[in-house]
Amino acid sequence: MHLPFRFKGRPCIVYLVLLAELEFYHSRKIAPTRRLTLGRSYLPIHPSPGNGSLLLAAVVARYLKQVDFEFHDEYLGILKKVQRGERVGQPRLRHRLQKDKVGLARTRHRLSSLNGKLRISFDDADAAPEQNVLAAAYVVGEFSYSDRPATMNLLLKAAKWNGEVGEDFLRYLLGQHKNYIVRIGHKDTATWALHVLGITSPSPSRSEIKKRFRELLRTAHPDTGDLTKNYDAAQRISDLTEARRVLLR
């Protein structure tokens, strides 16, 4: 679509093209029940990874960091189940997926091109962060089995991002960042390490760091942890070890 307007007294045309849209319905934040259902989304995924995958990854990057850290492993497990086409028991992240949308509110997130420049617009009306990330996960289940891995790879990558969701994030998704710290969306190695270990204190004690590392290591280790709740056990252990080293340095 083109939108006419005037700039310094001269008529101008703005070209806005819708590239992808995620639509879902949900209970409101103040509602006693927590419900979610998918709407009619427009999520092109070809050529891979596709604009639809970029939008879903952006939703995960924006809202997962607002979800309680204790639910992150559960969410990563949901992504794996959806990719494999396995049944996802309900409720998850305290929300129940259903088909009926009567009485539910609607949320729509969009990826557009404004005069050739990518633009992500989030609808922050009345959806809880859990509802946003669950919608992004469940809608991938509507893709063909062979198309799911490429999208899931982006969603898992987006789960590591902790910065603003804009041009830097899109470059990160597409592998255009060179600096590791910038790539993961943190201002320095310390904030990244605190995020990995789920420590909220900016100056934790050495004993707190070691204790938290041991707790998370037990859930990540392939011999003792539940691999359905870990996107990559080896990578998780590597991240935890590096985070401990950074904070104890």
Protein backbone atom coordinates (compact mmCIF):
# COMPACT_ATOMS: atom_id res chain seq x y z
CA MET A 1 0.00 0.00 0.00
CA HIS A 2 1.17 3.57 -0.54
CA LEU A 3 0.37 6.37 1.90
CA PRO A 4 0.43 9.95 0.57
CA PHE A 5 1.57 12.77 2.86
CA ARG A 6 3.35 16.11 2.60
CA PHE A 7 6.97 16.79 3.59
CA LYS A 8 8.12 20.44 3.63
CA GLY A 9 5.06 21.33 1.59
CA ARG A 10 5.73 18.74 -1.09
CA PRO A 11 3.59 15.65 -1.70
CA CYS A 12 5.39 12.39 -0.89
CA ILE A 13 4.49 8.72 -1.09
CA VAL A 14 5.31 6.17 1.60
CA TYR A 15 5.29 2.53 0.52
CA LEU A 16 4.26 0.13 3.29
CA VAL A 17 4.30 -3.60 2.50
CA LEU A 18 3.06 -6.25 4.96
CA LEU A 19 5.61 -9.08 5.04
CA ALA A 20 4.25 -11.24 7.88
CA GLU A 21 1.59 -11.17 10.59
CA LEU A 22 0.99 -13.28 13.71
CA GLU A 23 -2.58 -13.24 15.01
CA PHE A 24 -3.83 -14.95 18.16
CA TYR A 25 -6.65 -14.63 20.69
CA HIS A 26 -6.22 -14.74 24.44
CA SER A 27 -7.76 -14.08 27.82
CA ARG A 28 -7.00 -10.69 29.30
CA LYS A 29 -4.37 -10.21 31.98
CA ILE A 30 -7.00 -9.63 34.67
CA ALA A 31 -9.09 -12.67 33.67
CA PRO A 32 -9.25 -15.52 36.21
CA THR A 33 -8.58 -18.11 33.48
CA ARG A 34 -5.55 -18.16 31.22
CA ARG A 35 -6.45 -19.19 27.68
CA LEU A 36 -5.00 -18.92 24.19
CA THR A 37 -6.06 -19.78 20.64
CA LEU A 38 -4.44 -19.16 17.27
CA GLY A 39 -5.94 -16.83 14.67
CA ARG A 40 -5.43 -16.38 10.94
CA SER A 41 -1.74 -15.54 10.55
CA TYR A 42 0.25 -14.69 7.45
CA LEU A 43 3.69 -16.27 7.89
CA PRO A 44 5.58 -16.89 4.63
CA ILE A 45 8.62 -19.10 5.21
CA HIS A 46 10.05 -19.43 1.70
CA PRO A 47 12.76 -18.85 0.72
CA SER A 48 14.11 -20.02 4.07
CA PRO A 49 14.08 -18.69 6.71
CA GLY A 50 11.28 -16.45 5.40
CA ASN A 51 9.66 -13.31 6.78
CA GLY A 52 7.27 -15.35 8.88
CA SER A 53 10.14 -16.96 10.76
CA LEU A 54 11.78 -13.60 11.34
CA LEU A 55 8.58 -12.23 12.88
CA LEU A 56 8.11 -15.24 15.16
CA ALA A 57 11.71 -14.97 16.34
CA ALA A 58 11.19 -11.26 17.04
CA VAL A 59 8.17 -12.09 19.22
CA VAL A 60 10.22 -14.61 21.21
CA ALA A 61 13.11 -12.16 21.64
CA ARG A 62 10.82 -9.39 22.85
CA TYR A 63 8.60 -11.29 25.26
CA LEU A 64 10.56 -14.31 26.56
CA LYS A 65 12.77 -12.07 28.70
CA GLN A 66 9.55 -10.88 30.42
CA VAL A 67 8.63 -14.46 31.33
CA ASP A 68 9.79 -15.81 34.70
CA PHE A 69 13.26 -17.33 34.18
CA GLU A 70 12.11 -20.56 35.84
CA PHE A 71 9.81 -21.20 32.85
CA HIS A 72 12.48 -20.75 30.17
CA ASP A 73 13.58 -24.38 30.07
CA GLU A 74 9.95 -25.47 29.87
CA TYR A 75 9.45 -23.14 26.93
CA LEU A 76 12.50 -24.48 25.11
CA GLY A 77 11.10 -27.96 25.65
CA ILE A 78 7.81 -26.87 24.05
CA LEU A 79 9.71 -25.68 20.98
CA LYS A 80 11.36 -29.08 20.61
CA LYS A 81 8.05 -30.92 20.99
CA VAL A 82 6.37 -28.72 18.38
CA GLN A 83 9.24 -29.26 15.96
CA ARG A 84 8.98 -33.03 16.33
CA GLY A 85 5.20 -32.97 16.03
CA GLU A 86 4.69 -34.35 19.53
CA ARG A 87 1.66 -33.62 21.66
CA VAL A 88 2.16 -30.67 24.01
CA GLY A 89 0.23 -31.30 27.21
CA GLN A 90 -1.92 -28.50 28.53
CA PRO A 91 -1.71 -26.11 30.26
CA ARG A 92 1.84 -24.89 29.58
CA LEU A 93 3.40 -21.80 31.15
CA ARG A 94 0.11 -21.63 33.10
CA HIS A 95 -1.93 -21.12 29.88
CA ARG A 96 -4.25 -23.53 28.09
CA LEU A 97 -4.38 -23.77 24.29
CA GLN A 98 -7.93 -24.10 22.94
CA LYS A 99 -9.85 -23.69 19.68
CA ASP A 100 -12.76 -21.54 20.84
CA LYS A 101 -12.02 -17.80 20.70
CA VAL A 102 -15.36 -16.50 22.01
CA GLY A 103 -14.80 -13.77 24.58
CA LEU A 104 -11.07 -13.57 23.94
CA ALA A 105 -9.07 -10.48 23.00
CA ARG A 106 -7.06 -10.32 19.78
CA THR A 107 -3.37 -9.49 19.36
CA ARG A 108 -1.52 -9.01 16.07
CA HIS A 109 2.23 -8.54 15.54
CA ARG A 110 3.53 -7.51 12.12
CA LEU A 111 6.70 -7.38 10.08
CA SER A 112 6.52 -4.77 7.33
CA SER A 113 8.70 -3.03 4.81
CA LEU A 114 8.54 0.76 5.01
CA ASN A 115 10.14 2.25 1.91
CA GLY A 116 12.31 -0.87 1.66
CA LYS A 117 13.35 -0.91 5.34
CA LEU A 118 12.22 -3.70 7.67
CA ARG A 119 9.94 -2.61 10.48
CA ILE A 120 8.56 -4.73 13.35
CA SER A 121 5.39 -3.52 15.07
CA PHE A 122 4.28 -5.19 18.30
CA ASP A 123 0.73 -5.08 19.62
CA ASP A 124 1.22 -4.59 23.34
CA ALA A 125 -2.47 -4.20 24.13
CA ASP A 126 -3.48 -6.81 26.71
CA ALA A 127 -1.56 -10.05 26.16
CA ALA A 128 0.69 -11.55 28.82
CA PRO A 129 4.30 -12.33 27.80
CA GLU A 130 3.61 -16.07 28.15
CA GLN A 131 0.73 -15.81 25.67
CA ASN A 132 2.96 -14.13 23.11
CA VAL A 133 5.75 -16.68 23.20
CA LEU A 134 3.34 -19.62 23.30
CA ALA A 135 1.53 -18.33 20.21
CA ALA A 136 4.87 -18.04 18.39
CA ALA A 137 5.66 -21.66 19.30
CA TYR A 138 2.27 -23.26 18.62
CA VAL A 139 1.81 -21.64 15.22
CA VAL A 140 4.94 -23.42 13.96
CA GLY A 141 3.05 -26.66 14.47
CA GLU A 142 0.91 -25.63 11.48
CA PHE A 143 3.99 -25.66 9.22
CA SER A 144 4.94 -28.79 7.31
CA TYR A 145 7.33 -31.09 9.19
CA SER A 146 10.23 -30.31 6.84
CA ASP A 147 9.76 -26.55 7.24
CA ARG A 148 9.83 -26.47 11.02
CA PRO A 149 13.60 -26.87 11.73
CA ALA A 150 14.67 -23.63 10.02
CA THR A 151 12.08 -21.63 11.94
CA MET A 152 12.84 -23.34 15.24
CA ASN A 153 16.54 -22.60 14.84
CA LEU A 154 15.69 -18.90 14.67
CA LEU A 155 13.37 -19.11 17.68
CA LEU A 156 16.07 -20.84 19.74
CA LYS A 157 18.56 -18.22 18.62
CA ALA A 158 16.12 -15.45 19.53
CA ALA A 159 15.72 -16.93 23.03
CA LYS A 160 19.32 -15.89 23.76
CA TRP A 161 18.78 -12.26 22.78
CA ASN A 162 18.44 -9.71 25.58
CA GLY A 163 18.65 -6.39 23.76
CA GLU A 164 16.25 -4.22 21.79
CA VAL A 165 14.37 -5.97 19.00
CA GLY A 166 15.27 -3.87 15.99
CA GLU A 167 17.84 -3.74 13.20
CA ASP A 168 20.66 -5.20 15.36
CA PHE A 169 18.44 -8.14 16.27
CA LEU A 170 17.56 -8.86 12.64
CA ARG A 171 21.23 -8.72 11.69
CA TYR A 172 21.98 -11.12 14.55
CA LEU A 173 19.33 -13.57 13.30
CA LEU A 174 20.78 -13.46 9.81
CA GLY A 175 24.35 -13.97 11.07
CA GLN A 176 25.61 -10.49 10.26
CA HIS A 177 27.08 -9.64 13.69
CA LYS A 178 30.79 -10.19 14.34
CA ASN A 179 31.10 -9.18 17.99
CA TYR A 180 29.97 -11.98 20.34
CA ILE A 181 28.69 -9.72 23.10
CA VAL A 182 26.74 -7.53 20.69
CA ARG A 183 25.47 -10.64 18.98
CA ILE A 184 23.77 -11.95 22.09
CA GLY A 185 22.29 -8.56 22.95
CA HIS A 186 24.14 -7.72 26.17
CA LYS A 187 26.26 -4.69 26.90
CA ASP A 188 29.12 -6.72 28.41
CA THR A 189 30.18 -10.25 29.39
CA ALA A 190 29.09 -9.83 33.01
CA THR A 191 25.46 -9.05 32.17
CA TRP A 192 25.43 -11.99 29.75
CA ALA A 193 26.79 -14.31 32.45
CA LEU A 194 24.24 -13.12 35.02
CA HIS A 195 21.46 -13.75 32.49
CA VAL A 196 22.69 -17.28 31.72
CA LEU A 197 22.81 -18.20 35.42
CA GLY A 198 19.51 -16.47 36.15
CA ILE A 199 21.05 -14.26 38.85
CA THR A 200 19.27 -10.94 39.41
CA SER A 201 21.81 -9.41 41.82
CA PRO A 202 24.40 -7.29 39.96
CA SER A 203 27.11 -8.29 42.49
CA PRO A 204 26.54 -11.90 43.58
CA SER A 205 28.90 -13.59 46.01
CA ARG A 206 31.26 -16.34 44.84
CA SER A 207 29.29 -18.93 46.81
CA GLU A 208 26.02 -17.78 45.19
CA ILE A 209 27.57 -18.09 41.72
CA LYS A 210 28.89 -21.59 42.41
CA LYS A 211 25.62 -22.75 43.97
CA ARG A 212 23.53 -21.49 41.06
CA PHE A 213 25.93 -23.06 38.56
CA ARG A 214 25.64 -26.48 40.26
CA GLU A 215 21.82 -26.25 40.35
CA LEU A 216 21.52 -25.44 36.65
CA LEU A 217 24.21 -27.92 35.65
CA ARG A 218 22.19 -30.77 37.16
CA THR A 219 19.18 -29.90 34.97
CA ALA A 220 21.31 -29.53 31.84
CA HIS A 221 23.48 -32.64 32.10
CA PRO A 222 22.34 -35.41 29.71
CA ASP A 223 22.72 -38.08 32.41
CA THR A 224 20.48 -36.36 34.96
CA GLY A 225 18.46 -33.69 33.16
CA ASP A 226 15.35 -33.99 31.02
CA LEU A 227 16.58 -33.40 27.49
CA THR A 228 13.08 -32.51 26.31
CA LYS A 229 13.50 -29.35 28.35
CA ASN A 230 16.87 -28.34 26.90
CA TYR A 231 17.41 -27.02 23.39
CA ASP A 232 21.01 -28.35 23.34
CA ALA A 233 22.54 -29.97 26.42
CA ALA A 234 26.14 -29.54 25.26
CA GLN A 235 25.64 -25.86 24.40
CA ARG A 236 23.80 -25.25 27.67
CA ILE A 237 26.62 -26.78 29.72
CA SER A 238 29.16 -24.75 27.75
CA ASP A 239 27.22 -21.51 28.38
CA LEU A 240 26.88 -22.25 32.11
CA THR A 241 30.58 -23.03 32.43
CA GLU A 242 31.60 -19.88 30.60
CA ALA A 243 29.19 -17.76 32.66
CA ARG A 244 30.66 -19.13 35.90
CA ARG A 245 34.20 -18.44 34.65
CA VAL A 246 33.31 -14.84 33.73
CA LEU A 247 31.72 -14.06 37.11
CA LEU A 248 34.45 -15.75 39.18
CA ARG A 249 37.23 -14.18 37.14
